[in-house]
Amino acid sequence: MEARLNVLTNRVTARFGKHLVAADKVLAESTLPVATRELVKLRASQINGCGFCVDMHTKDAAHAGETSTRLNLVAAWREATVFTDAERAALELAEQGTRLADAAGGVTDEAWANAARYYDEDQLAALVCTIALINAFNRGNVMVRQPAGDYQPGQHG
């Protein structure tokens, strides 16, 4: 499979991508746990069918110490016993924030309140921004059919 557009060499997408990567660096400096950020990125990428981002965030999470058991169970997090209540709240927020078109009203008050039980205001802000950012990355990669499988941990920053 070959991408429809080389996002790394195209003048517009390369410049735009640098801004997205810079936004992700802001989130990396937040107090939202790395594991939570990677699990959320992985779950949104699974929902959006972004193979490149699933590949990337699975490998980045494993490189950061995440277990294969937890990574393999992200898609079935509701039934899995390996996630904390805080991670479950973040995954629920990620799912609802990713599937905005599937539910009138977007994210429910219950999902927001549950996340707010575990994360302070800055962490909630980082969580919202992480969900929004990964959805932007997913949509771009899906549209250009960015191939998956060759990513090496840390290769994009």
C-alpha atoms as a PDB file:
ATOM      1  CA  MET A   1       0.000   0.000   0.000  1.00  0.00           C
ATOM      2  CA  GLU A   2       1.254   3.468  -0.869  1.00  0.00           C
ATOM      3  CA  ALA A   3       0.013   6.742   0.597  1.00  0.00           C
ATOM      4  CA  ARG A   4      -1.965   9.024  -1.695  1.00  0.00           C
ATOM      5  CA  LEU A   5       0.167  11.949  -0.560  1.00  0.00           C
ATOM      6  CA  ASN A   6       3.558  12.103   1.128  1.00  0.00           C
ATOM      7  CA  VAL A   7       2.702  14.116   4.234  1.00  0.00           C
ATOM      8  CA  LEU A   8       6.354  14.445   5.237  1.00  0.00           C
ATOM      9  CA  THR A   9       7.550  16.009   1.978  1.00  0.00           C
ATOM     10  CA  ASN A  10       4.512  17.975   0.847  1.00  0.00           C
ATOM     11  CA  ARG A  11       5.094  21.644   1.725  1.00  0.00           C
ATOM     12  CA  VAL A  12       1.635  22.215   3.218  1.00  0.00           C
ATOM     13  CA  THR A  13       1.223  18.970   5.156  1.00  0.00           C
ATOM     14  CA  ALA A  14       4.802  19.060   6.467  1.00  0.00           C
ATOM     15  CA  ARG A  15       4.341  22.579   7.863  1.00  0.00           C
ATOM     16  CA  PHE A  16       0.914  21.715   9.280  1.00  0.00           C
ATOM     17  CA  GLY A  17       2.279  18.511  10.789  1.00  0.00           C
ATOM     18  CA  LYS A  18       4.997  20.438  12.637  1.00  0.00           C
ATOM     19  CA  HIS A  19       2.274  22.425  14.412  1.00  0.00           C
ATOM     20  CA  LEU A  20       0.409  19.245  15.362  1.00  0.00           C
ATOM     21  CA  VAL A  21       3.629  17.713  16.706  1.00  0.00           C
ATOM     22  CA  ALA A  22       4.300  20.908  18.676  1.00  0.00           C
ATOM     23  CA  ALA A  23       0.809  20.671  20.174  1.00  0.00           C
ATOM     24  CA  ASP A  24       1.525  17.076  21.181  1.00  0.00           C
ATOM     25  CA  LYS A  25       4.718  18.204  22.937  1.00  0.00           C
ATOM     26  CA  VAL A  26       2.636  20.601  25.058  1.00  0.00           C
ATOM     27  CA  LEU A  27       0.483  17.649  26.095  1.00  0.00           C
ATOM     28  CA  ALA A  28       3.562  15.536  26.857  1.00  0.00           C
ATOM     29  CA  GLU A  29       4.565  18.197  29.387  1.00  0.00           C
ATOM     30  CA  SER A  30       1.204  17.941  31.176  1.00  0.00           C
ATOM     31  CA  THR A  31       0.592  15.902  34.322  1.00  0.00           C
ATOM     32  CA  LEU A  32      -1.764  13.548  32.489  1.00  0.00           C
ATOM     33  CA  PRO A  33      -0.077  10.131  32.839  1.00  0.00           C
ATOM     34  CA  VAL A  34       1.793   8.900  29.762  1.00  0.00           C
ATOM     35  CA  ALA A  35      -0.032   5.568  29.911  1.00  0.00           C
ATOM     36  CA  THR A  36      -3.399   7.321  29.865  1.00  0.00           C
ATOM     37  CA  ARG A  37      -2.392   9.487  26.900  1.00  0.00           C
ATOM     38  CA  GLU A  38      -1.209   6.473  24.909  1.00  0.00           C
ATOM     39  CA  LEU A  39      -4.263   4.346  25.753  1.00  0.00           C
ATOM     40  CA  VAL A  40      -6.570   7.178  24.680  1.00  0.00           C
ATOM     41  CA  LYS A  41      -4.638   7.707  21.439  1.00  0.00           C
ATOM     42  CA  LEU A  42      -4.759   3.997  20.716  1.00  0.00           C
ATOM     43  CA  ARG A  43      -8.494   3.682  21.396  1.00  0.00           C
ATOM     44  CA  ALA A  44      -9.441   6.677  19.251  1.00  0.00           C
ATOM     45  CA  SER A  45      -7.202   5.374  16.459  1.00  0.00           C
ATOM     46  CA  GLN A  46      -8.895   1.969  16.628  1.00  0.00           C
ATOM     47  CA  ILE A  47     -12.334   3.573  16.377  1.00  0.00           C
ATOM     48  CA  ASN A  48     -11.265   5.750  13.448  1.00  0.00           C
ATOM     49  CA  GLY A  49      -9.605   2.861  11.615  1.00  0.00           C
ATOM     50  CA  CYS A  50      -6.229   4.601  11.453  1.00  0.00           C
ATOM     51  CA  GLY A  51      -3.763   1.760  11.017  1.00  0.00           C
ATOM     52  CA  PHE A  52      -0.757   4.087  11.052  1.00  0.00           C
ATOM     53  CA  CYS A  53      -1.738   5.578  14.420  1.00  0.00           C
ATOM     54  CA  VAL A  54      -2.657   2.176  15.893  1.00  0.00           C
ATOM     55  CA  ASP A  55       0.804   0.961  14.888  1.00  0.00           C
ATOM     56  CA  MET A  56       2.500   4.078  16.246  1.00  0.00           C
ATOM     57  CA  HIS A  57       0.739   4.279  19.586  1.00  0.00           C
ATOM     58  CA  THR A  58       0.920   0.550  20.257  1.00  0.00           C
ATOM     59  CA  LYS A  59       4.678   0.660  19.709  1.00  0.00           C
ATOM     60  CA  ASP A  60       5.190   3.934  21.601  1.00  0.00           C
ATOM     61  CA  ALA A  61       3.189   2.620  24.560  1.00  0.00           C
ATOM     62  CA  ALA A  62       5.123  -0.662  24.607  1.00  0.00           C
ATOM     63  CA  HIS A  63       8.387   1.270  24.363  1.00  0.00           C
ATOM     64  CA  ALA A  64       7.266   3.322  27.398  1.00  0.00           C
ATOM     65  CA  GLY A  65       6.674   0.116  29.366  1.00  0.00           C
ATOM     66  CA  GLU A  66       3.028  -0.679  28.661  1.00  0.00           C
ATOM     67  CA  THR A  67       2.227  -4.406  28.770  1.00  0.00           C
ATOM     68  CA  SER A  68       1.066  -6.390  25.765  1.00  0.00           C
ATOM     69  CA  THR A  69      -1.924  -7.618  27.778  1.00  0.00           C
ATOM     70  CA  ARG A  70      -3.223  -4.097  28.319  1.00  0.00           C
ATOM     71  CA  LEU A  71      -2.490  -3.047  24.742  1.00  0.00           C
ATOM     72  CA  ASN A  72      -4.290  -6.097  23.392  1.00  0.00           C
ATOM     73  CA  LEU A  73      -7.334  -5.350  25.547  1.00  0.00           C
ATOM     74  CA  VAL A  74      -7.794  -1.628  24.789  1.00  0.00           C
ATOM     75  CA  ALA A  75     -10.550  -2.357  22.254  1.00  0.00           C
ATOM     76  CA  ALA A  76     -12.383  -4.390  24.913  1.00  0.00           C
ATOM     77  CA  TRP A  77     -11.593  -2.150  27.900  1.00  0.00           C
ATOM     78  CA  ARG A  78     -15.112  -2.412  29.364  1.00  0.00           C
ATOM     79  CA  GLU A  79     -14.755  -6.156  29.877  1.00  0.00           C
ATOM     80  CA  ALA A  80     -11.069  -6.141  30.815  1.00  0.00           C
ATOM     81  CA  THR A  81      -9.884  -6.121  34.423  1.00  0.00           C
ATOM     82  CA  VAL A  82      -6.466  -4.618  33.680  1.00  0.00           C
ATOM     83  CA  PHE A  83      -7.426  -0.921  33.590  1.00  0.00           C
ATOM     84  CA  THR A  84      -7.819   1.423  36.530  1.00  0.00           C
ATOM     85  CA  ASP A  85     -11.050   3.302  37.144  1.00  0.00           C
ATOM     86  CA  ALA A  86      -9.284   6.489  36.058  1.00  0.00           C
ATOM     87  CA  GLU A  87      -8.149   4.881  32.793  1.00  0.00           C
ATOM     88  CA  ARG A  88     -11.669   3.594  32.196  1.00  0.00           C
ATOM     89  CA  ALA A  89     -13.035   7.109  32.650  1.00  0.00           C
ATOM     90  CA  ALA A  90     -10.469   8.448  30.166  1.00  0.00           C
ATOM     91  CA  LEU A  91     -11.235   5.705  27.644  1.00  0.00           C
ATOM     92  CA  GLU A  92     -14.970   6.422  27.921  1.00  0.00           C
ATOM     93  CA  LEU A  93     -14.334  10.131  27.356  1.00  0.00           C
ATOM     94  CA  ALA A  94     -12.120   9.269  24.382  1.00  0.00           C
ATOM     95  CA  GLU A  95     -14.778   7.054  22.839  1.00  0.00           C
ATOM     96  CA  GLN A  96     -17.538   9.608  23.274  1.00  0.00           C
ATOM     97  CA  GLY A  97     -15.291  12.445  22.100  1.00  0.00           C
ATOM     98  CA  THR A  98     -14.314  10.447  19.022  1.00  0.00           C
ATOM     99  CA  ARG A  99     -17.846   9.312  18.165  1.00  0.00           C
ATOM    100  CA  LEU A 100     -19.456  12.755  18.330  1.00  0.00           C
ATOM    101  CA  ALA A 101     -21.618  12.097  15.292  1.00  0.00           C
ATOM    102  CA  ASP A 102     -22.993   8.882  16.790  1.00  0.00           C
ATOM    103  CA  ALA A 103     -24.685  10.503  19.778  1.00  0.00           C
ATOM    104  CA  ALA A 104     -26.780  13.647  19.911  1.00  0.00           C
ATOM    105  CA  GLY A 105     -25.192  16.035  22.374  1.00  0.00           C
ATOM    106  CA  GLY A 106     -21.673  14.600  22.166  1.00  0.00           C
ATOM    107  CA  VAL A 107     -20.024  13.707  25.463  1.00  0.00           C
ATOM    108  CA  THR A 108     -22.502  12.949  28.225  1.00  0.00           C
ATOM    109  CA  ASP A 109     -22.517  14.745  31.554  1.00  0.00           C
ATOM    110  CA  GLU A 110     -21.989  11.363  33.225  1.00  0.00           C
ATOM    111  CA  ALA A 111     -18.829  10.625  31.243  1.00  0.00           C
ATOM    112  CA  TRP A 112     -17.471  14.104  31.973  1.00  0.00           C
ATOM    113  CA  ALA A 113     -18.286  13.892  35.695  1.00  0.00           C
ATOM    114  CA  ASN A 114     -16.678  10.468  35.930  1.00  0.00           C
ATOM    115  CA  ALA A 115     -13.479  11.719  34.307  1.00  0.00           C
ATOM    116  CA  ALA A 116     -13.512  14.752  36.616  1.00  0.00           C
ATOM    117  CA  ARG A 117     -13.481  12.374  39.597  1.00  0.00           C
ATOM    118  CA  TYR A 118      -9.984  11.200  38.634  1.00  0.00           C
ATOM    119  CA  TYR A 119      -8.365  14.107  36.816  1.00  0.00           C
ATOM    120  CA  ASP A 120      -7.826  17.705  37.889  1.00  0.00           C
ATOM    121  CA  GLU A 121      -8.735  20.593  35.594  1.00  0.00           C
ATOM    122  CA  ASP A 122      -5.353  20.711  33.839  1.00  0.00           C
ATOM    123  CA  GLN A 123      -5.388  16.949  33.316  1.00  0.00           C
ATOM    124  CA  LEU A 124      -8.937  17.148  31.944  1.00  0.00           C
ATOM    125  CA  ALA A 125      -7.782  19.896  29.591  1.00  0.00           C
ATOM    126  CA  ALA A 126      -4.875  17.703  28.471  1.00  0.00           C
ATOM    127  CA  LEU A 127      -7.244  14.779  28.010  1.00  0.00           C
ATOM    128  CA  VAL A 128      -9.641  16.845  25.871  1.00  0.00           C
ATOM    129  CA  CYS A 129      -6.741  18.179  23.790  1.00  0.00           C
ATOM    130  CA  THR A 130      -5.232  14.693  23.403  1.00  0.00           C
ATOM    131  CA  ILE A 131      -8.550  13.349  22.125  1.00  0.00           C
ATOM    132  CA  ALA A 132      -8.996  16.263  19.717  1.00  0.00           C
ATOM    133  CA  LEU A 133      -5.410  16.021  18.462  1.00  0.00           C
ATOM    134  CA  ILE A 134      -5.393  12.272  17.854  1.00  0.00           C
ATOM    135  CA  ASN A 135      -8.671  12.589  15.970  1.00  0.00           C
ATOM    136  CA  ALA A 136      -7.031  15.204  13.719  1.00  0.00           C
ATOM    137  CA  PHE A 137      -4.040  12.939  13.105  1.00  0.00           C
ATOM    138  CA  ASN A 138      -6.352   9.968  12.446  1.00  0.00           C
ATOM    139  CA  ARG A 139      -8.460  11.801   9.927  1.00  0.00           C
ATOM    140  CA  GLY A 140      -5.464  13.030   7.947  1.00  0.00           C
ATOM    141  CA  ASN A 141      -3.778   9.637   7.904  1.00  0.00           C
ATOM    142  CA  VAL A 142      -6.969   7.815   6.916  1.00  0.00           C
ATOM    143  CA  MET A 143      -7.664  10.265   4.079  1.00  0.00           C
ATOM    144  CA  VAL A 144      -4.202   9.841   2.568  1.00  0.00           C
ATOM    145  CA  ARG A 145      -4.150   6.094   3.318  1.00  0.00           C
ATOM    146  CA  GLN A 146      -0.947   6.319   5.316  1.00  0.00           C
ATOM    147  CA  PRO A 147       0.424   2.745   5.469  1.00  0.00           C
ATOM    148  CA  ALA A 148       0.995   1.042   8.807  1.00  0.00           C
ATOM    149  CA  GLY A 149       3.650  -1.329  10.083  1.00  0.00           C
ATOM    150  CA  ASP A 150       6.994   0.400   9.604  1.00  0.00           C
ATOM    151  CA  TYR A 151       6.853   2.865  12.493  1.00  0.00           C
ATOM    152  CA  GLN A 152       9.744   2.817  14.952  1.00  0.00           C
ATOM    153  CA  PRO A 153       9.177   4.222  18.492  1.00  0.00           C
ATOM    154  CA  GLY A 154      10.085   7.879  18.701  1.00  0.00           C
ATOM    155  CA  GLN A 155      10.690   8.380  14.989  1.00  0.00           C
ATOM    156  CA  HIS A 156       8.325  11.376  14.794  1.00  0.00           C
ATOM    157  CA  GLY A 157       9.514  13.282  17.823  1.00  0.00           C
END
